[in-house]
Amino acid sequence: MPQYPKPDEGSWTEHYRHLGTGDVSYEDCVSPEFYEDERRAVFERAWLNVGRVEDVPRNGSYVTREIAVAKTSIIVVRDQEGRVRAFHNLCQHRGNKLVWTDSPFSVTSGSTRAFTCRYHGWRYDLQGACTFVQQESEFFDFDKADHSLSPVHCDVWAGFIFVNLADEPAQTLHEFLGPMISALDGYPFDRLTERYDFTADIACNWKVFADAFQEYYHVPILHPQEATPPARAMTLSMGFEAPHYQLDRPHRMVSTAGVPRRKWPADFQYPIELATRSGLFGPWDEPDLTSDLPADRLRDGELPGVNPGGIDRWQIANYQVFPNLEILIWETGWYLTYRYWPTSHNTHRFEGTLYFAPSRNASDRAARECAVVMFKEFALQDAGTLEGTQQALESPAAVGKRFPLNDQEILVRHLHQAVGEWVGAYRDERTATHA
């Protein structure tokens, strides 16, 4: 099992020597040319999370996903045998969009026994086979078997549905995720099914927003409400650093400790937190999930799950699954996901989803609603600064400039390096092809 440094053993960044410690360019966040290569090198080749199995709960359930960065739309469906499949949302007749309702640009979902094109009535079963063609005899040398829906590589890990848009993925999903992410296999995601979804179109590059959730260096300044007044004074004077960082190929994670808000003195709580027994860190009356946590499974050859650093008073595990998925697990028995979907070199769509155990009564529901409102407030605090960051990065003063990163911004450094490596490999392949 790999060994990871403890905070008293020096620099995290220097432990991962391939990262280097030099200043970092943000050209990858402002260049239209880089974005074009990035979307082909990364988003058309990596495994992308497009939802969870709860999105297609029964045989015949389907949901569409618009993946603007890859210029495509897909259908995710659970077929009559219970297998989750994915197809390009494209009728094989004249290229019409197959599944949509009020707007062809909006996500839609439902349940069906077959997909029928609203233009000419061609029909496809849930395994993608073409089963009906209107006036089939009028076509020339025609065989329906040659006109099945175009499949998309699709696989499921821990209830998360992933697709890969490459003709042939370089790795299976399990190989791509690797041991650090796979160590979460036993986490009871399937028991946390009450969810709240949010989307926002943000005027900054997707990596600029992702960077904000990969370090806690900004927390004492931007989110002072997250600490009690005594702790706030201490962090402002001494700073804050998470006790564990970890890298595994293109993926990364940070884990940290803390005192649950339910244990804070009442004088330091918001009135709404006291009334609902909930807040930014989630409902106080958490479900009993302890026996299911993969952190208790320490078999030979496996990394421990949610707390790989063995942190005392562990509170948060923040997993960044390359390229654009974040899974943030809280000690109090809930989790949230962030997804960053690029729409141009300087815009993206942010998706945030909070997952809780199902409410048992009105008090539970009020607690979840309070946590959701607090989440939106703090997410807006981050988003409010990052559009300004994008504007500044695109100014003449930033042209050619490189920026310093400190030790606890190791995940920021790693993301930009990982994206750069994928883009560099793609550019080398393109050069070799045209040589």
Protein backbone atom coordinates (compact mmCIF):
# COMPACT_ATOMS: atom_id res chain seq x y z
CA MET A 1 0.00 0.00 0.00
CA PRO A 2 1.41 3.45 -0.88
CA GLN A 3 2.63 5.56 2.00
CA TYR A 4 1.51 9.16 2.35
CA PRO A 5 3.19 11.91 4.33
CA LYS A 6 1.88 13.31 7.59
CA PRO A 7 1.63 17.08 8.07
CA ASP A 8 4.74 17.13 10.27
CA GLU A 9 6.82 15.50 7.52
CA GLY A 10 7.03 18.63 5.40
CA SER A 11 5.57 19.68 2.10
CA TRP A 12 2.71 17.79 0.44
CA THR A 13 3.60 19.20 -2.96
CA GLU A 14 7.23 18.20 -2.71
CA HIS A 15 6.17 14.67 -1.77
CA TYR A 16 4.63 14.36 -5.24
CA ARG A 17 7.80 15.45 -7.00
CA HIS A 18 6.37 15.31 -10.54
CA LEU A 19 4.18 18.33 -9.72
CA GLY A 20 7.04 20.73 -9.23
CA THR A 21 6.72 23.88 -7.14
CA GLY A 22 7.01 26.61 -9.78
CA ASP A 23 4.46 29.24 -10.70
CA VAL A 24 1.46 28.09 -12.74
CA SER A 25 0.00 29.50 -15.95
CA TYR A 26 -3.75 29.99 -16.26
CA GLU A 27 -3.61 30.17 -20.05
CA ASP A 28 -5.64 26.94 -20.03
CA CYS A 29 -8.58 28.97 -18.64
CA VAL A 30 -8.59 31.81 -21.17
CA SER A 31 -7.47 30.32 -24.48
CA PRO A 32 -10.17 29.33 -27.02
CA GLU A 33 -7.56 27.19 -28.80
CA PHE A 34 -6.74 25.28 -25.61
CA TYR A 35 -10.44 24.79 -24.91
CA GLU A 36 -10.99 23.20 -28.32
CA ASP A 37 -8.15 20.73 -27.72
CA GLU A 38 -9.26 20.18 -24.11
CA ARG A 39 -12.78 19.17 -25.04
CA ARG A 40 -11.46 16.63 -27.55
CA ALA A 41 -8.58 15.37 -25.42
CA VAL A 42 -10.44 15.20 -22.11
CA PHE A 43 -14.21 15.29 -22.46
CA GLU A 44 -14.38 13.10 -25.55
CA ARG A 45 -12.03 10.50 -24.00
CA ALA A 46 -12.47 10.40 -20.21
CA TRP A 47 -15.24 8.64 -18.31
CA LEU A 48 -17.88 11.25 -17.45
CA ASN A 49 -20.45 10.98 -14.68
CA VAL A 50 -23.92 11.74 -16.03
CA GLY A 51 -26.06 10.79 -13.04
CA ARG A 52 -27.00 8.02 -10.66
CA VAL A 53 -28.97 4.82 -10.95
CA GLU A 54 -31.82 6.52 -9.08
CA ASP A 55 -32.29 8.63 -12.23
CA VAL A 56 -33.43 5.47 -14.04
CA PRO A 57 -35.03 3.54 -11.17
CA ARG A 58 -37.13 1.00 -13.11
CA ASN A 59 -36.90 -0.97 -16.35
CA GLY A 60 -37.95 1.47 -19.06
CA SER A 61 -36.85 4.59 -17.16
CA TYR A 62 -34.76 7.03 -19.16
CA VAL A 63 -33.16 10.46 -18.87
CA THR A 64 -31.39 12.62 -21.45
CA ARG A 65 -28.16 14.51 -20.87
CA GLU A 66 -26.93 17.47 -22.90
CA ILE A 67 -23.12 17.39 -23.07
CA ALA A 68 -22.34 20.70 -24.73
CA VAL A 69 -18.58 20.33 -24.38
CA ALA A 70 -18.74 17.24 -26.61
CA LYS A 71 -21.42 18.75 -28.84
CA THR A 72 -23.76 15.84 -28.24
CA SER A 73 -26.89 14.70 -26.46
CA ILE A 74 -27.28 11.22 -25.00
CA ILE A 75 -30.08 9.00 -23.72
CA VAL A 76 -29.46 6.96 -20.57
CA VAL A 77 -32.00 4.15 -20.17
CA ARG A 78 -32.56 1.06 -18.06
CA ASP A 79 -33.58 -1.68 -20.48
CA GLN A 80 -36.10 -4.45 -19.90
CA GLU A 81 -33.38 -6.68 -18.42
CA GLY A 82 -32.38 -4.00 -15.91
CA ARG A 83 -29.12 -3.03 -17.60
CA VAL A 84 -28.22 0.67 -17.78
CA ARG A 85 -27.35 1.67 -21.33
CA ALA A 86 -26.55 4.89 -23.17
CA PHE A 87 -27.08 6.00 -26.76
CA HIS A 88 -26.51 9.11 -28.81
CA ASN A 89 -29.81 11.01 -28.94
CA LEU A 90 -29.96 10.74 -32.71
CA CYS A 91 -32.56 9.16 -34.98
CA GLN A 92 -30.88 7.03 -37.64
CA HIS A 93 -33.16 8.27 -40.41
CA ARG A 94 -32.37 11.93 -41.02
CA GLY A 95 -30.39 12.78 -37.90
CA ASN A 96 -33.28 14.24 -35.93
CA LYS A 97 -33.03 14.53 -32.18
CA LEU A 98 -34.87 11.45 -30.99
CA VAL A 99 -35.97 12.18 -27.40
CA TRP A 100 -37.08 15.63 -26.27
CA THR A 101 -40.21 17.35 -25.04
CA ASP A 102 -40.84 21.10 -24.94
CA SER A 103 -37.32 22.16 -25.92
CA PRO A 104 -34.65 20.13 -27.73
CA PHE A 105 -32.02 21.79 -25.53
CA SER A 106 -33.54 20.72 -22.19
CA VAL A 107 -33.09 17.54 -20.17
CA THR A 108 -36.11 15.26 -20.14
CA SER A 109 -36.95 11.99 -18.40
CA GLY A 110 -39.73 9.45 -18.18
CA SER A 111 -40.58 5.82 -18.75
CA THR A 112 -41.20 4.06 -22.03
CA ARG A 113 -41.18 0.71 -23.81
CA ALA A 114 -39.67 2.18 -26.98
CA PHE A 115 -38.30 5.44 -28.38
CA THR A 116 -40.26 6.91 -31.28
CA CYS A 117 -39.00 9.75 -33.46
CA ARG A 118 -41.55 12.56 -33.51
CA TYR A 119 -40.66 13.48 -37.10
CA HIS A 120 -41.20 10.29 -39.14
CA GLY A 121 -42.14 7.73 -36.52
CA TRP A 122 -39.10 5.44 -36.61
CA ARG A 123 -39.07 3.30 -33.46
CA TYR A 124 -36.26 1.79 -31.38
CA ASP A 125 -36.34 -0.65 -28.46
CA LEU A 126 -34.51 -0.08 -25.18
CA GLN A 127 -31.45 -1.97 -26.45
CA GLY A 128 -31.19 0.42 -29.38
CA ALA A 129 -32.47 -1.85 -32.14
CA CYS A 130 -34.61 -0.27 -34.86
CA THR A 131 -37.98 -2.07 -34.66
CA PHE A 132 -40.27 -0.06 -36.95
CA VAL A 133 -39.87 2.11 -40.03
CA GLN A 134 -42.83 3.95 -41.52
CA GLN A 135 -43.42 2.73 -45.11
CA GLU A 136 -40.33 0.57 -44.93
CA SER A 137 -40.90 -0.86 -48.42
CA GLU A 138 -40.17 2.51 -50.02
CA PHE A 139 -36.49 2.41 -48.92
CA PHE A 140 -33.79 0.86 -51.12
CA ASP A 141 -31.73 -2.20 -50.09
CA PHE A 142 -32.87 -1.50 -46.54
CA ASP A 143 -32.41 -3.62 -43.40
CA LYS A 144 -33.55 -2.27 -40.01
CA ALA A 145 -30.74 -4.23 -38.35
CA ASP A 146 -28.25 -1.85 -39.96
CA HIS A 147 -29.87 1.21 -38.37
CA SER A 148 -29.71 0.70 -34.62
CA LEU A 149 -29.11 3.65 -32.31
CA SER A 150 -25.46 4.63 -31.93
CA PRO A 151 -24.33 3.23 -28.56
CA VAL A 152 -22.25 5.12 -26.02
CA HIS A 153 -19.93 3.22 -23.71
CA CYS A 154 -21.68 3.11 -20.33
CA ASP A 155 -20.82 1.59 -16.96
CA VAL A 156 -21.85 1.97 -13.32
CA TRP A 157 -19.69 2.31 -10.22
CA ALA A 158 -21.24 2.57 -6.73
CA GLY A 159 -24.51 3.68 -8.31
CA PHE A 160 -22.84 6.48 -10.34
CA ILE A 161 -23.50 6.23 -14.08
CA PHE A 162 -20.53 7.01 -16.31
CA VAL A 163 -20.26 7.28 -20.09
CA ASN A 164 -17.26 7.45 -22.37
CA LEU A 165 -17.66 9.09 -25.78
CA ALA A 166 -14.52 7.61 -27.34
CA ASP A 167 -14.86 4.99 -30.05
CA GLU A 168 -12.85 2.68 -27.79
CA PRO A 169 -12.02 3.86 -24.24
CA ALA A 170 -8.36 3.54 -23.32
CA GLN A 171 -9.39 2.04 -19.96
CA THR A 172 -12.37 0.36 -18.40
CA LEU A 173 -14.23 2.47 -15.84
CA HIS A 174 -12.75 0.46 -12.97
CA GLU A 175 -9.22 0.93 -14.32
CA PHE A 176 -9.84 4.64 -14.85
CA LEU A 177 -11.12 5.23 -11.30
CA GLY A 178 -8.18 3.43 -9.69
CA PRO A 179 -7.71 2.37 -6.05
CA MET A 180 -8.25 5.71 -4.32
CA ILE A 181 -11.74 6.28 -5.77
CA SER A 182 -12.68 2.59 -5.75
CA ALA A 183 -12.01 2.49 -2.01
CA LEU A 184 -15.41 4.19 -1.64
CA ASP A 185 -17.16 1.12 -3.04
CA GLY A 186 -18.81 0.29 0.27
CA TYR A 187 -20.13 3.75 1.11
CA PRO A 188 -23.95 3.59 1.39
CA PHE A 189 -24.70 5.97 -1.47
CA ASP A 190 -27.79 3.88 -2.26
CA ARG A 191 -29.34 4.72 1.13
CA LEU A 192 -29.04 8.49 0.62
CA THR A 193 -31.77 9.03 -1.95
CA GLU A 194 -33.51 12.26 -0.93
CA ARG A 195 -31.91 14.78 -3.24
CA TYR A 196 -31.93 18.46 -4.09
CA ASP A 197 -30.59 19.59 -7.47
CA PHE A 198 -29.29 22.98 -8.57
CA THR A 199 -27.82 24.30 -11.80
CA ALA A 200 -26.24 27.63 -12.61
CA ASP A 201 -24.57 29.05 -15.69
CA ILE A 202 -21.31 30.62 -14.54
CA ALA A 203 -19.21 33.09 -16.54
CA CYS A 204 -15.85 31.48 -15.82
CA ASN A 205 -13.81 28.55 -17.07
CA TRP A 206 -14.80 25.27 -15.43
CA LYS A 207 -11.36 24.82 -13.85
CA VAL A 208 -11.54 28.21 -12.15
CA PHE A 209 -14.65 27.08 -10.26
CA ALA A 210 -13.28 23.58 -9.61
CA ASP A 211 -10.18 25.16 -8.07
CA ALA A 212 -12.34 26.93 -5.49
CA PHE A 213 -13.45 23.60 -4.00
CA GLN A 214 -10.00 22.01 -4.03
CA GLU A 215 -8.42 24.07 -1.28
CA TYR A 216 -9.40 25.50 2.10
CA TYR A 217 -6.89 28.35 1.99
CA HIS A 218 -9.75 30.74 1.10
CA VAL A 219 -12.16 29.61 3.81
CA PRO A 220 -11.15 31.92 6.70
CA ILE A 221 -11.44 34.96 4.41
CA LEU A 222 -14.38 34.14 2.15
CA HIS A 223 -16.45 31.99 4.54
CA PRO A 224 -15.80 33.31 8.06
CA GLN A 225 -19.21 32.03 9.17
CA GLU A 226 -17.86 28.48 9.04
CA ALA A 227 -15.91 28.98 12.27
CA THR A 228 -16.79 30.04 15.78
CA PRO A 229 -15.48 33.52 16.70
CA PRO A 230 -12.51 32.12 18.68
CA ALA A 231 -11.61 29.73 15.86
CA ARG A 232 -12.11 32.52 13.33
CA ALA A 233 -9.64 34.74 15.10
CA MET A 234 -7.12 31.91 15.25
CA THR A 235 -7.43 30.96 11.57
CA LEU A 236 -7.17 34.57 10.46
CA SER A 237 -3.92 34.95 12.37
CA MET A 238 -2.46 31.47 11.80
CA GLY A 239 -4.19 30.28 8.63
CA PHE A 240 -5.81 26.90 8.00
CA GLU A 241 -4.56 23.74 6.34
CA ALA A 242 -6.26 20.41 5.84
CA PRO A 243 -4.40 17.47 7.44
CA HIS A 244 -4.51 15.09 4.44
CA TYR A 245 -4.07 15.42 0.68
CA GLN A 246 -3.79 12.54 -1.76
CA LEU A 247 -3.27 12.05 -5.50
CA ASP A 248 -3.94 9.01 -7.64
CA ARG A 249 -3.14 9.54 -11.33
CA PRO A 250 -5.59 12.21 -12.61
CA HIS A 251 -7.78 12.06 -9.48
CA ARG A 252 -7.22 13.88 -6.18
CA MET A 253 -8.70 14.27 -2.72
CA VAL A 254 -8.48 16.38 0.42
CA SER A 255 -9.77 15.38 3.81
CA THR A 256 -10.10 17.47 6.91
CA ALA A 257 -11.25 17.52 10.51
CA GLY A 258 -13.58 19.75 12.45
CA VAL A 259 -16.06 20.08 15.26
CA PRO A 260 -19.63 19.35 14.11
CA ARG A 261 -21.82 22.44 14.34
CA ARG A 262 -24.24 20.57 16.59
CA LYS A 263 -21.48 20.63 19.22
CA TRP A 264 -20.80 24.37 18.96
CA PRO A 265 -21.92 26.62 21.83
CA ALA A 266 -25.46 27.92 21.28
CA ASP A 267 -24.16 31.51 21.26
CA PHE A 268 -22.29 30.74 18.05
CA GLN A 269 -25.27 29.22 16.20
CA TYR A 270 -27.69 30.92 13.86
CA PRO A 271 -31.27 30.90 15.22
CA ILE A 272 -32.43 28.87 12.21
CA GLU A 273 -29.82 26.22 12.99
CA LEU A 274 -31.08 25.86 16.53
CA ALA A 275 -34.69 25.72 15.34
CA THR A 276 -34.12 23.08 12.64
CA ARG A 277 -31.12 21.27 14.14
CA SER A 278 -29.34 21.69 10.84
CA GLY A 279 -27.10 24.04 8.91
CA LEU A 280 -24.17 24.29 6.52
CA PHE A 281 -22.64 21.02 7.70
CA GLY A 282 -25.90 19.14 7.25
CA PRO A 283 -28.65 17.87 9.58
CA TRP A 284 -27.50 17.33 13.14
CA ASP A 285 -29.53 14.16 13.69
CA GLU A 286 -27.63 12.10 11.17
CA PRO A 287 -28.59 8.54 10.18
CA ASP A 288 -26.60 5.64 11.58
CA LEU A 289 -24.35 4.66 8.69
CA THR A 290 -21.24 3.81 10.70
CA SER A 291 -21.28 0.07 10.11
CA ASP A 292 -21.43 0.62 6.35
CA LEU A 293 -18.58 3.07 5.98
CA PRO A 294 -15.71 1.74 3.86
CA ALA A 295 -13.32 3.42 6.31
CA ASP A 296 -13.94 0.34 8.47
CA ARG A 297 -12.82 -1.99 5.68
CA LEU A 298 -9.06 -2.14 5.84
CA ARG A 299 -8.31 -5.24 3.81
CA ASP A 300 -4.84 -5.92 2.50
CA GLY A 301 -4.11 -3.99 -0.67
CA GLU A 302 -7.00 -1.55 -0.28
CA LEU A 303 -6.83 2.08 0.65
CA PRO A 304 -9.17 3.05 3.47
CA GLY A 305 -12.30 4.74 2.16
CA VAL A 306 -13.62 8.05 3.39
CA ASN A 307 -10.79 8.82 5.80
CA PRO A 308 -7.61 7.51 4.15
CA GLY A 309 -5.44 9.81 6.26
CA GLY A 310 -6.75 8.39 9.54
CA ILE A 311 -7.63 11.90 10.74
CA ASP A 312 -8.85 12.38 14.29
CA ARG A 313 -12.26 14.07 14.38
CA TRP A 314 -12.61 13.46 10.64
CA GLN A 315 -15.36 15.60 9.12
CA ILE A 316 -15.12 15.89 5.32
CA ALA A 317 -13.68 13.80 2.49
CA ASN A 318 -13.58 15.70 -0.79
CA TYR A 319 -12.91 13.48 -3.81
CA GLN A 320 -12.19 15.09 -7.20
CA VAL A 321 -12.86 12.49 -9.90
CA PHE A 322 -11.20 13.58 -13.14
CA PRO A 323 -12.20 15.50 -15.04
CA ASN A 324 -15.28 17.28 -13.67
CA LEU A 325 -16.95 15.38 -10.79
CA GLU A 326 -16.58 16.13 -7.10
CA ILE A 327 -17.96 13.84 -4.39
CA LEU A 328 -17.92 15.47 -0.96
CA ILE A 329 -18.77 13.11 1.91
CA TRP A 330 -19.66 14.43 5.37
CA GLU A 331 -19.11 12.58 8.63
CA THR A 332 -22.71 13.43 9.56
CA GLY A 333 -24.12 10.93 7.07
CA TRP A 334 -24.84 12.80 3.83
CA TYR A 335 -22.96 13.77 0.69
CA LEU A 336 -23.08 16.15 -2.22
CA THR A 337 -21.77 16.18 -5.76
CA TYR A 338 -20.55 18.99 -7.98
CA ARG A 339 -20.19 18.71 -11.74
CA TYR A 340 -18.60 21.36 -13.95
CA TRP A 341 -19.69 21.16 -17.60
CA PRO A 342 -17.74 23.47 -19.93
CA THR A 343 -19.80 25.43 -22.44
CA SER A 344 -16.96 27.59 -23.82
CA HIS A 345 -13.44 28.62 -22.88
CA ASN A 346 -14.83 31.09 -20.31
CA THR A 347 -18.26 29.71 -19.33
CA HIS A 348 -19.61 26.54 -17.81
CA ARG A 349 -22.71 25.02 -16.27
CA PHE A 350 -22.40 24.13 -12.60
CA GLU A 351 -24.52 21.31 -11.17
CA GLY A 352 -24.81 20.76 -7.43
CA THR A 353 -26.78 17.92 -5.82
CA LEU A 354 -27.25 17.21 -2.11
CA TYR A 355 -28.14 13.66 -1.00
CA PHE A 356 -29.70 12.73 2.34
CA ALA A 357 -31.36 9.74 3.95
CA PRO A 358 -35.12 9.91 3.24
CA SER A 359 -37.02 12.19 5.62
CA ARG A 360 -39.09 10.35 8.20
CA ASN A 361 -41.15 13.35 9.30
CA ALA A 362 -41.60 17.11 8.92
CA SER A 363 -38.68 17.86 11.26
CA ASP A 364 -36.35 15.83 9.07
CA ARG A 365 -37.55 17.68 5.99
CA ALA A 366 -37.06 21.08 7.64
CA ALA A 367 -33.51 20.07 8.59
CA ARG A 368 -32.70 19.14 5.02
CA GLU A 369 -34.23 22.33 3.65
CA CYS A 370 -32.10 24.39 6.02
CA ALA A 371 -28.93 22.58 4.93
CA VAL A 372 -29.84 23.18 1.29
CA VAL A 373 -30.39 26.91 1.77
CA MET A 374 -27.08 27.25 3.61
CA PHE A 375 -25.34 25.34 0.81
CA LYS A 376 -26.71 27.75 -1.80
CA GLU A 377 -25.52 30.74 0.21
CA PHE A 378 -21.95 29.50 0.48
CA ALA A 379 -21.85 28.32 -3.15
CA LEU A 380 -22.91 31.82 -4.21
CA GLN A 381 -20.09 33.30 -2.14
CA ASP A 382 -17.64 31.28 -4.23
CA ALA A 383 -19.36 31.94 -7.55
CA GLY A 384 -19.52 35.66 -6.84
CA THR A 385 -15.72 35.93 -6.78
CA LEU A 386 -14.89 33.61 -9.65
CA GLU A 387 -16.55 35.52 -12.45
CA GLY A 388 -14.31 38.38 -11.38
CA THR A 389 -11.35 36.01 -11.46
CA GLN A 390 -12.14 35.09 -15.07
CA GLN A 391 -12.42 38.74 -16.05
CA ALA A 392 -9.06 39.51 -14.46
CA LEU A 393 -7.36 36.50 -16.07
CA GLU A 394 -8.51 37.75 -19.48
CA SER A 395 -7.13 41.25 -18.92
CA PRO A 396 -3.92 42.42 -20.62
CA ALA A 397 -2.18 42.47 -17.24
CA ALA A 398 -2.48 38.65 -16.99
CA VAL A 399 -1.17 37.82 -20.46
CA GLY A 400 1.81 35.51 -20.12
CA LYS A 401 1.77 35.74 -16.34
CA ARG A 402 2.37 32.77 -14.06
CA PHE A 403 0.93 32.58 -10.56
CA PRO A 404 2.34 31.13 -7.30
CA LEU A 405 0.53 28.30 -5.51
CA ASN A 406 1.15 27.34 -1.91
CA ASP A 407 1.44 23.85 -0.46
CA GLN A 408 -2.24 23.43 0.38
CA GLU A 409 -3.16 24.40 -3.20
CA ILE A 410 -1.61 21.12 -4.32
CA LEU A 411 -4.89 19.89 -5.84
CA VAL A 412 -5.19 23.07 -7.90
CA ARG A 413 -1.69 22.50 -9.26
CA HIS A 414 -2.50 18.86 -9.94
CA LEU A 415 -5.75 19.51 -11.86
CA HIS A 416 -4.11 21.94 -14.27
CA GLN A 417 -1.18 19.60 -14.75
CA ALA A 418 -3.43 16.59 -15.38
CA VAL A 419 -5.52 18.46 -17.95
CA GLY A 420 -2.32 19.73 -19.58
CA GLU A 421 -0.95 16.20 -19.84
CA TRP A 422 -4.11 14.90 -21.53
CA VAL A 423 -4.10 17.83 -23.94
CA GLY A 424 -0.39 17.42 -24.60
CA ALA A 425 -0.83 13.72 -25.41
CA TYR A 426 -3.70 14.56 -27.77
CA ARG A 427 -1.62 17.21 -29.53
CA ASP A 428 1.29 14.77 -29.94
CA GLU A 429 -1.05 12.19 -31.48
CA ARG A 430 -2.46 14.79 -33.86
CA THR A 431 1.03 15.90 -34.90
CA ALA A 432 2.11 12.30 -35.49
CA THR A 433 -1.01 11.61 -37.54
CA HIS A 434 -0.38 14.58 -39.82
CA ALA A 435 3.37 14.07 -40.07
